[in-house]
Each structure stands twice: as C-alpha cells, then as structure tokens.
Amino acid sequence: MSSIKSTSVDQYLLEGCGRCKLAGTPQCKVHNWTDPLIELRRIVLAAGFTEERKWGMPTYTWNGKNVIIIAAFKENCVISFLKGALLTDPKNLLVMPGENSQSTRFIRFTDVKQVLKLESAIKVFIKEAKLIEESGKKVITKKADEMDLPDELNVAFKKQPSFKKAFYALTPGRQRGYILHFAGAKQSETRASRIAKSIPRILEGKGMQD
C-alpha cells in the first residue's frame, strides 16, 4: 500500500491546527516544532500510511483505521500511537498522555536531533502498530468498578464514609482518573498524600480536571 500525502497537512505545518486564535500567526505553537514534525511525518509516510487531517492534526490511517497522530503542543511535539498500550517498549520510550489514558502512548520531542536519534525505534513502533491494526487487536480498558483500589484509598473510605459516598457518586471516568492518579505513586506515603489532597475536590463532586 502506498502512502498518500495530504495537502491539508502541508497547511497545518504552515498555519497550525486552527483550533485557537494563534492559528496562522507566527506565535502558533506548530512553528516551534516545524523541523521535528516534518521528520516525524517523513518517517510515518515512508511506512505506507495514508495521511489525513483529523481534529486539526496530521493523522495516519491503515486500512481506514486511525493509528498514529503527530501534533504540536506548547512545550514539545509528539508522535502518538493510538493503541500504544499494546506496543512492545523495552526501553520505556512511550509515555501516557494523561493519568487516565488506557490506550494511547506517545513520545515527546523538543528538537529534530531527538527524532533522528530515535528514528530506528520509531520505525519499529510503527511497524508493530501496523501489525496490531491488521490483527484486529483492541486495548481492553478497565471500567472504574473493575480496577483494584489502592489500600490507602480503602483506609480513607473507612475513616470518612462521606468521602466514600462522594467518590462513588462521581462519573465512572472521574473515578478512573482518580484511581490511576492515586495508584501511580510508588510510595504508600505519596499515595496517601495524593488521596488527602483530592478529598476536598471529590466532596465537591469534581474530577481531577474540573
């Protein structure tokens, strides 16, 4: 399958995603990362993906399915693998976009040298992402009520029943976000601290991003 280069992505590199008032101005964040974005685009297109523009960003599809996105942010640019949780990552190059992301994984870049240094690894990820899409594999995501709760959270529930009631009154997505945030700390002391700091927000019915 041959790749298709999108003229709308050329426009993205010139004007940005168009989703904020800085689009088409020199201050657009895309201009901070033009060179690494161009290199990432080259690498993905060389693998035969079809290039489109979705959500304002360069999106790469395989057999009609969204597989990879490249995008610019304020502090960096990224190559994002939409089923990245299934990729083999022995060097731990892939990171989660957020605490509650169960599927997507990406690599951040701040200059073109980093892209070139990791080009071989990126190609391996791209090849595996393509095979995963062809196989039909899907990321099995856990609902909040299927996730293991940190011991520290259960302790907090026992100490403060109103906190437990407020937590389970949250939407499943908000519950999941908090659980991932709490469980992401390696030390018990840190987990307990995160829970304590979050209790006021949870009692107000707010999620982490509200």
C-alpha atoms as a PDB file:
ATOM      1  CA  MET A   1       0.000   0.000   0.000  1.00  0.00           C
ATOM      2  CA  SER A   2       1.431   3.360  -0.988  1.00  0.00           C
ATOM      3  CA  SER A   3       1.229   6.404   1.195  1.00  0.00           C
ATOM      4  CA  ILE A   4      -0.917   9.404   0.360  1.00  0.00           C
ATOM      5  CA  LYS A   5       0.399  12.842   1.240  1.00  0.00           C
ATOM      6  CA  SER A   6      -2.229  15.327   2.338  1.00  0.00           C
ATOM      7  CA  THR A   7      -2.109  18.957   1.214  1.00  0.00           C
ATOM      8  CA  SER A   8      -4.121  19.851   4.328  1.00  0.00           C
ATOM      9  CA  VAL A   9      -1.179  18.662   6.435  1.00  0.00           C
ATOM     10  CA  ASP A  10       1.075  20.983   4.459  1.00  0.00           C
ATOM     11  CA  GLN A  11      -1.324  23.719   5.535  1.00  0.00           C
ATOM     12  CA  TYR A  12      -1.108  22.502   9.155  1.00  0.00           C
ATOM     13  CA  LEU A  13       2.662  22.938   9.094  1.00  0.00           C
ATOM     14  CA  LEU A  14       2.232  26.469   7.773  1.00  0.00           C
ATOM     15  CA  GLU A  15      -0.730  27.685   9.819  1.00  0.00           C
ATOM     16  CA  GLY A  16      -1.295  25.281  12.704  1.00  0.00           C
ATOM     17  CA  CYS A  17      -4.326  23.243  13.682  1.00  0.00           C
ATOM     18  CA  GLY A  18      -6.737  26.176  13.518  1.00  0.00           C
ATOM     19  CA  ARG A  19      -8.212  25.442  16.923  1.00  0.00           C
ATOM     20  CA  CYS A  20      -7.043  28.589  18.693  1.00  0.00           C
ATOM     21  CA  LYS A  21      -6.693  32.303  17.980  1.00  0.00           C
ATOM     22  CA  LEU A  22      -2.949  31.915  17.272  1.00  0.00           C
ATOM     23  CA  ALA A  23      -3.607  29.873  14.112  1.00  0.00           C
ATOM     24  CA  GLY A  24      -1.926  31.402  11.088  1.00  0.00           C
ATOM     25  CA  THR A  25       0.249  33.696  13.210  1.00  0.00           C
ATOM     26  CA  PRO A  26       3.988  33.484  13.981  1.00  0.00           C
ATOM     27  CA  GLN A  27       3.041  32.663  17.594  1.00  0.00           C
ATOM     28  CA  CYS A  28       1.335  29.381  16.652  1.00  0.00           C
ATOM     29  CA  LYS A  29       2.981  26.532  18.597  1.00  0.00           C
ATOM     30  CA  VAL A  30       3.401  24.469  15.420  1.00  0.00           C
ATOM     31  CA  HIS A  31       6.143  26.871  14.349  1.00  0.00           C
ATOM     32  CA  ASN A  32       8.174  25.952  17.431  1.00  0.00           C
ATOM     33  CA  TRP A  33       8.455  22.367  16.271  1.00  0.00           C
ATOM     34  CA  THR A  34       8.270  22.505  12.470  1.00  0.00           C
ATOM     35  CA  ASP A  35      11.517  20.608  11.847  1.00  0.00           C
ATOM     36  CA  PRO A  36      10.824  17.629  14.144  1.00  0.00           C
ATOM     37  CA  LEU A  37       7.237  17.450  12.871  1.00  0.00           C
ATOM     38  CA  ILE A  38       8.473  17.291   9.288  1.00  0.00           C
ATOM     39  CA  GLU A  39      10.855  14.455  10.171  1.00  0.00           C
ATOM     40  CA  LEU A  40       8.146  12.526  12.021  1.00  0.00           C
ATOM     41  CA  ARG A  41       5.869  12.971   9.038  1.00  0.00           C
ATOM     42  CA  ARG A  42       8.581  11.658   6.707  1.00  0.00           C
ATOM     43  CA  ILE A  43       9.105   8.549   8.827  1.00  0.00           C
ATOM     44  CA  VAL A  44       5.402   7.682   9.044  1.00  0.00           C
ATOM     45  CA  LEU A  45       4.721   8.281   5.362  1.00  0.00           C
ATOM     46  CA  ALA A  46       7.678   6.079   4.425  1.00  0.00           C
ATOM     47  CA  ALA A  47       5.888   3.215   6.185  1.00  0.00           C
ATOM     48  CA  GLY A  48       2.999   3.490   3.725  1.00  0.00           C
ATOM     49  CA  PHE A  49       0.312   5.074   5.864  1.00  0.00           C
ATOM     50  CA  THR A  50      -2.451   7.230   4.432  1.00  0.00           C
ATOM     51  CA  GLU A  51      -2.195  10.787   5.673  1.00  0.00           C
ATOM     52  CA  GLU A  52      -5.302  12.729   6.630  1.00  0.00           C
ATOM     53  CA  ARG A  53      -6.111  15.635   8.880  1.00  0.00           C
ATOM     54  CA  LYS A  54      -8.461  14.935  11.768  1.00  0.00           C
ATOM     55  CA  TRP A  55      -9.159  17.026  14.860  1.00  0.00           C
ATOM     56  CA  GLY A  56      -6.980  19.610  13.084  1.00  0.00           C
ATOM     57  CA  MET A  57      -3.890  17.375  13.326  1.00  0.00           C
ATOM     58  CA  PRO A  58      -1.958  15.071  10.962  1.00  0.00           C
ATOM     59  CA  THR A  59      -3.498  11.627  11.382  1.00  0.00           C
ATOM     60  CA  TYR A  60      -2.224   8.418   9.790  1.00  0.00           C
ATOM     61  CA  THR A  61      -4.548   5.572   8.940  1.00  0.00           C
ATOM     62  CA  TRP A  62      -4.076   1.946   7.975  1.00  0.00           C
ATOM     63  CA  ASN A  63      -6.929   0.137   6.242  1.00  0.00           C
ATOM     64  CA  GLY A  64      -9.127   3.082   7.170  1.00  0.00           C
ATOM     65  CA  LYS A  65      -8.335   2.929  10.893  1.00  0.00           C
ATOM     66  CA  ASN A  66      -6.670   5.740  12.858  1.00  0.00           C
ATOM     67  CA  VAL A  67      -3.274   4.505  14.061  1.00  0.00           C
ATOM     68  CA  ILE A  68      -0.871   7.431  14.531  1.00  0.00           C
ATOM     69  CA  ILE A  69      -1.125  11.176  15.140  1.00  0.00           C
ATOM     70  CA  ILE A  70       1.632  13.774  15.163  1.00  0.00           C
ATOM     71  CA  ALA A  71       0.937  17.010  16.979  1.00  0.00           C
ATOM     72  CA  ALA A  72       2.455  20.156  18.426  1.00  0.00           C
ATOM     73  CA  PHE A  73       1.995  21.320  21.997  1.00  0.00           C
ATOM     74  CA  LYS A  74       3.340  24.329  23.848  1.00  0.00           C
ATOM     75  CA  GLU A  75       6.339  22.537  25.365  1.00  0.00           C
ATOM     76  CA  ASN A  76       7.012  19.845  22.743  1.00  0.00           C
ATOM     77  CA  CYS A  77       5.707  17.894  19.797  1.00  0.00           C
ATOM     78  CA  VAL A  78       4.746  14.226  19.802  1.00  0.00           C
ATOM     79  CA  ILE A  79       4.173  11.120  17.785  1.00  0.00           C
ATOM     80  CA  SER A  80       1.153   9.406  19.281  1.00  0.00           C
ATOM     81  CA  PHE A  81       0.221   5.727  18.858  1.00  0.00           C
ATOM     82  CA  LEU A  82      -3.498   5.283  19.458  1.00  0.00           C
ATOM     83  CA  LYS A  83      -3.061   1.647  20.558  1.00  0.00           C
ATOM     84  CA  GLY A  84       0.299   2.334  22.158  1.00  0.00           C
ATOM     85  CA  ALA A  85      -0.553   0.314  25.272  1.00  0.00           C
ATOM     86  CA  LEU A  86      -0.194  -2.809  23.106  1.00  0.00           C
ATOM     87  CA  LEU A  87       3.259  -1.893  21.779  1.00  0.00           C
ATOM     88  CA  THR A  88       6.435  -3.607  22.964  1.00  0.00           C
ATOM     89  CA  ASP A  89       8.534  -0.950  24.685  1.00  0.00           C
ATOM     90  CA  PRO A  90      11.688  -2.451  26.298  1.00  0.00           C
ATOM     91  CA  LYS A  91      13.405   0.946  26.626  1.00  0.00           C
ATOM     92  CA  ASN A  92      10.352   2.699  28.118  1.00  0.00           C
ATOM     93  CA  LEU A  93      10.279   5.374  25.425  1.00  0.00           C
ATOM     94  CA  LEU A  94       6.496   5.641  25.374  1.00  0.00           C
ATOM     95  CA  VAL A  95       4.600   7.731  27.907  1.00  0.00           C
ATOM     96  CA  MET A  96       0.937   8.155  28.806  1.00  0.00           C
ATOM     97  CA  PRO A  97      -0.698  11.411  27.663  1.00  0.00           C
ATOM     98  CA  GLY A  98      -2.527  11.643  30.970  1.00  0.00           C
ATOM     99  CA  GLU A  99      -3.228   9.807  34.184  1.00  0.00           C
ATOM    100  CA  ASN A 100      -6.408   8.189  32.860  1.00  0.00           C
ATOM    101  CA  SER A 101      -5.169   7.182  29.403  1.00  0.00           C
ATOM    102  CA  GLN A 102      -5.527   3.433  28.943  1.00  0.00           C
ATOM    103  CA  SER A 103      -4.732   3.130  25.245  1.00  0.00           C
ATOM    104  CA  THR A 104      -2.724   5.990  23.730  1.00  0.00           C
ATOM    105  CA  ARG A 105       1.024   6.309  24.240  1.00  0.00           C
ATOM    106  CA  PHE A 106       3.407   8.871  22.730  1.00  0.00           C
ATOM    107  CA  ILE A 107       6.992  10.067  22.504  1.00  0.00           C
ATOM    108  CA  ARG A 108       7.823  13.724  23.152  1.00  0.00           C
ATOM    109  CA  PHE A 109      10.388  15.708  21.156  1.00  0.00           C
ATOM    110  CA  THR A 110      11.861  19.168  21.552  1.00  0.00           C
ATOM    111  CA  ASP A 111      14.263  19.175  18.591  1.00  0.00           C
ATOM    112  CA  VAL A 112      14.921  17.379  15.338  1.00  0.00           C
ATOM    113  CA  LYS A 113      18.062  15.679  16.669  1.00  0.00           C
ATOM    114  CA  GLN A 114      15.958  13.671  19.087  1.00  0.00           C
ATOM    115  CA  VAL A 115      13.766  12.435  16.244  1.00  0.00           C
ATOM    116  CA  LEU A 116      16.763  11.350  14.186  1.00  0.00           C
ATOM    117  CA  LYS A 117      18.368   9.660  17.189  1.00  0.00           C
ATOM    118  CA  LEU A 118      15.227   7.608  17.824  1.00  0.00           C
ATOM    119  CA  GLU A 119      14.321   7.037  14.181  1.00  0.00           C
ATOM    120  CA  SER A 120      15.091   3.297  14.284  1.00  0.00           C
ATOM    121  CA  ALA A 121      12.999   2.823  17.421  1.00  0.00           C
ATOM    122  CA  ILE A 122      10.142   4.875  15.939  1.00  0.00           C
ATOM    123  CA  LYS A 123      10.162   2.679  12.836  1.00  0.00           C
ATOM    124  CA  VAL A 124       9.908  -0.439  14.996  1.00  0.00           C
ATOM    125  CA  PHE A 125       6.919   1.034  16.846  1.00  0.00           C
ATOM    126  CA  ILE A 126       5.283   1.995  13.549  1.00  0.00           C
ATOM    127  CA  LYS A 127       5.774  -1.498  12.120  1.00  0.00           C
ATOM    128  CA  GLU A 128       4.290  -3.110  15.221  1.00  0.00           C
ATOM    129  CA  ALA A 129       1.398  -0.617  15.290  1.00  0.00           C
ATOM    130  CA  LYS A 130       0.592  -1.607  11.715  1.00  0.00           C
ATOM    131  CA  LEU A 131       0.639  -5.326  12.571  1.00  0.00           C
ATOM    132  CA  ILE A 132      -1.576  -4.740  15.608  1.00  0.00           C
ATOM    133  CA  GLU A 133      -4.132  -2.918  13.430  1.00  0.00           C
ATOM    134  CA  GLU A 134      -4.061  -5.683  10.845  1.00  0.00           C
ATOM    135  CA  SER A 135      -4.578  -8.315  13.540  1.00  0.00           C
ATOM    136  CA  GLY A 136      -7.671  -6.560  14.857  1.00  0.00           C
ATOM    137  CA  LYS A 137      -6.354  -6.460  18.426  1.00  0.00           C
ATOM    138  CA  LYS A 138      -8.015  -3.979  20.744  1.00  0.00           C
ATOM    139  CA  VAL A 139      -6.966  -2.417  24.014  1.00  0.00           C
ATOM    140  CA  ILE A 140      -9.041  -3.898  26.806  1.00  0.00           C
ATOM    141  CA  THR A 141      -9.876  -0.982  29.056  1.00  0.00           C
ATOM    142  CA  LYS A 142     -10.949  -1.330  32.652  1.00  0.00           C
ATOM    143  CA  LYS A 143     -14.011   0.374  33.996  1.00  0.00           C
ATOM    144  CA  ALA A 144     -13.670   2.071  37.359  1.00  0.00           C
ATOM    145  CA  ASP A 145     -15.559  -0.716  39.164  1.00  0.00           C
ATOM    146  CA  GLU A 146     -13.138  -3.290  37.717  1.00  0.00           C
ATOM    147  CA  MET A 147      -9.969  -1.579  38.904  1.00  0.00           C
ATOM    148  CA  ASP A 148      -8.044  -2.541  42.032  1.00  0.00           C
ATOM    149  CA  LEU A 149      -8.215   0.206  44.630  1.00  0.00           C
ATOM    150  CA  PRO A 150      -5.034   1.249  46.434  1.00  0.00           C
ATOM    151  CA  ASP A 151      -5.041   0.121  50.080  1.00  0.00           C
ATOM    152  CA  GLU A 152      -4.665   3.739  51.130  1.00  0.00           C
ATOM    153  CA  LEU A 153      -7.933   4.620  49.399  1.00  0.00           C
ATOM    154  CA  ASN A 154      -9.817   1.882  51.237  1.00  0.00           C
ATOM    155  CA  VAL A 155      -8.353   3.170  54.519  1.00  0.00           C
ATOM    156  CA  ALA A 156      -9.557   6.692  53.677  1.00  0.00           C
ATOM    157  CA  PHE A 157     -13.026   5.339  52.885  1.00  0.00           C
ATOM    158  CA  LYS A 158     -13.234   3.659  56.303  1.00  0.00           C
ATOM    159  CA  LYS A 159     -12.105   6.798  58.086  1.00  0.00           C
ATOM    160  CA  GLN A 160     -14.516   9.064  56.231  1.00  0.00           C
ATOM    161  CA  PRO A 161     -17.712   7.393  54.928  1.00  0.00           C
ATOM    162  CA  SER A 162     -18.859  10.681  53.387  1.00  0.00           C
ATOM    163  CA  PHE A 163     -15.731  10.652  51.230  1.00  0.00           C
ATOM    164  CA  LYS A 164     -16.523   7.123  50.034  1.00  0.00           C
ATOM    165  CA  LYS A 165     -20.083   8.132  49.186  1.00  0.00           C
ATOM    166  CA  ALA A 166     -18.880  11.206  47.272  1.00  0.00           C
ATOM    167  CA  PHE A 167     -16.278   9.177  45.387  1.00  0.00           C
ATOM    168  CA  TYR A 168     -18.810   6.652  44.122  1.00  0.00           C
ATOM    169  CA  ALA A 169     -21.181   9.475  43.201  1.00  0.00           C
ATOM    170  CA  LEU A 170     -18.619  10.647  40.618  1.00  0.00           C
ATOM    171  CA  THR A 171     -18.906   9.584  36.999  1.00  0.00           C
ATOM    172  CA  PRO A 172     -17.001   6.364  36.132  1.00  0.00           C
ATOM    173  CA  GLY A 173     -14.486   8.390  34.120  1.00  0.00           C
ATOM    174  CA  ARG A 174     -13.721  10.678  37.050  1.00  0.00           C
ATOM    175  CA  GLN A 175     -13.405   7.692  39.385  1.00  0.00           C
ATOM    176  CA  ARG A 176     -10.996   6.013  36.987  1.00  0.00           C
ATOM    177  CA  GLY A 177      -8.904   9.166  36.691  1.00  0.00           C
ATOM    178  CA  TYR A 178      -8.518   9.439  40.445  1.00  0.00           C
ATOM    179  CA  ILE A 179      -7.715   5.748  40.888  1.00  0.00           C
ATOM    180  CA  LEU A 180      -4.976   5.932  38.257  1.00  0.00           C
ATOM    181  CA  HIS A 181      -3.619   9.107  39.859  1.00  0.00           C
ATOM    182  CA  PHE A 182      -3.525   7.570  43.321  1.00  0.00           C
ATOM    183  CA  ALA A 183      -2.136   4.210  42.216  1.00  0.00           C
ATOM    184  CA  GLY A 184       0.520   5.847  40.033  1.00  0.00           C
ATOM    185  CA  ALA A 185       2.594   6.791  43.076  1.00  0.00           C
ATOM    186  CA  LYS A 186       5.212   4.201  44.013  1.00  0.00           C
ATOM    187  CA  GLN A 187       5.359   5.023  47.726  1.00  0.00           C
ATOM    188  CA  SER A 188       2.469   4.422  50.124  1.00  0.00           C
ATOM    189  CA  GLU A 189       3.107   7.779  51.750  1.00  0.00           C
ATOM    190  CA  THR A 190       2.771   9.532  48.394  1.00  0.00           C
ATOM    191  CA  ARG A 191      -0.435   7.653  47.575  1.00  0.00           C
ATOM    192  CA  ALA A 192      -1.936   8.681  50.915  1.00  0.00           C
ATOM    193  CA  SER A 193      -0.889  12.286  50.323  1.00  0.00           C
ATOM    194  CA  ARG A 194      -2.487  12.368  46.867  1.00  0.00           C
ATOM    195  CA  ILE A 195      -5.711  10.994  48.316  1.00  0.00           C
ATOM    196  CA  ALA A 196      -5.758  13.525  51.150  1.00  0.00           C
ATOM    197  CA  LYS A 197      -5.221  16.423  48.747  1.00  0.00           C
ATOM    198  CA  SER A 198      -8.025  15.178  46.478  1.00  0.00           C
ATOM    199  CA  ILE A 199     -10.686  14.676  49.149  1.00  0.00           C
ATOM    200  CA  PRO A 200     -11.984  18.299  49.093  1.00  0.00           C
ATOM    201  CA  ARG A 201     -12.457  18.188  45.295  1.00  0.00           C
ATOM    202  CA  ILE A 202     -14.176  14.821  45.438  1.00  0.00           C
ATOM    203  CA  LEU A 203     -16.518  16.004  48.199  1.00  0.00           C
ATOM    204  CA  GLU A 204     -17.476  18.843  45.847  1.00  0.00           C
ATOM    205  CA  GLY A 205     -18.214  16.351  43.075  1.00  0.00           C
ATOM    206  CA  LYS A 206     -15.288  17.470  40.929  1.00  0.00           C
ATOM    207  CA  GLY A 207     -12.962  15.417  38.772  1.00  0.00           C
ATOM    208  CA  MET A 208      -9.224  15.950  38.512  1.00  0.00           C
ATOM    209  CA  GLN A 209      -9.558  18.244  35.511  1.00  0.00           C
ATOM    210  CA  ASP A 210     -12.649  20.198  36.630  1.00  0.00           C
END
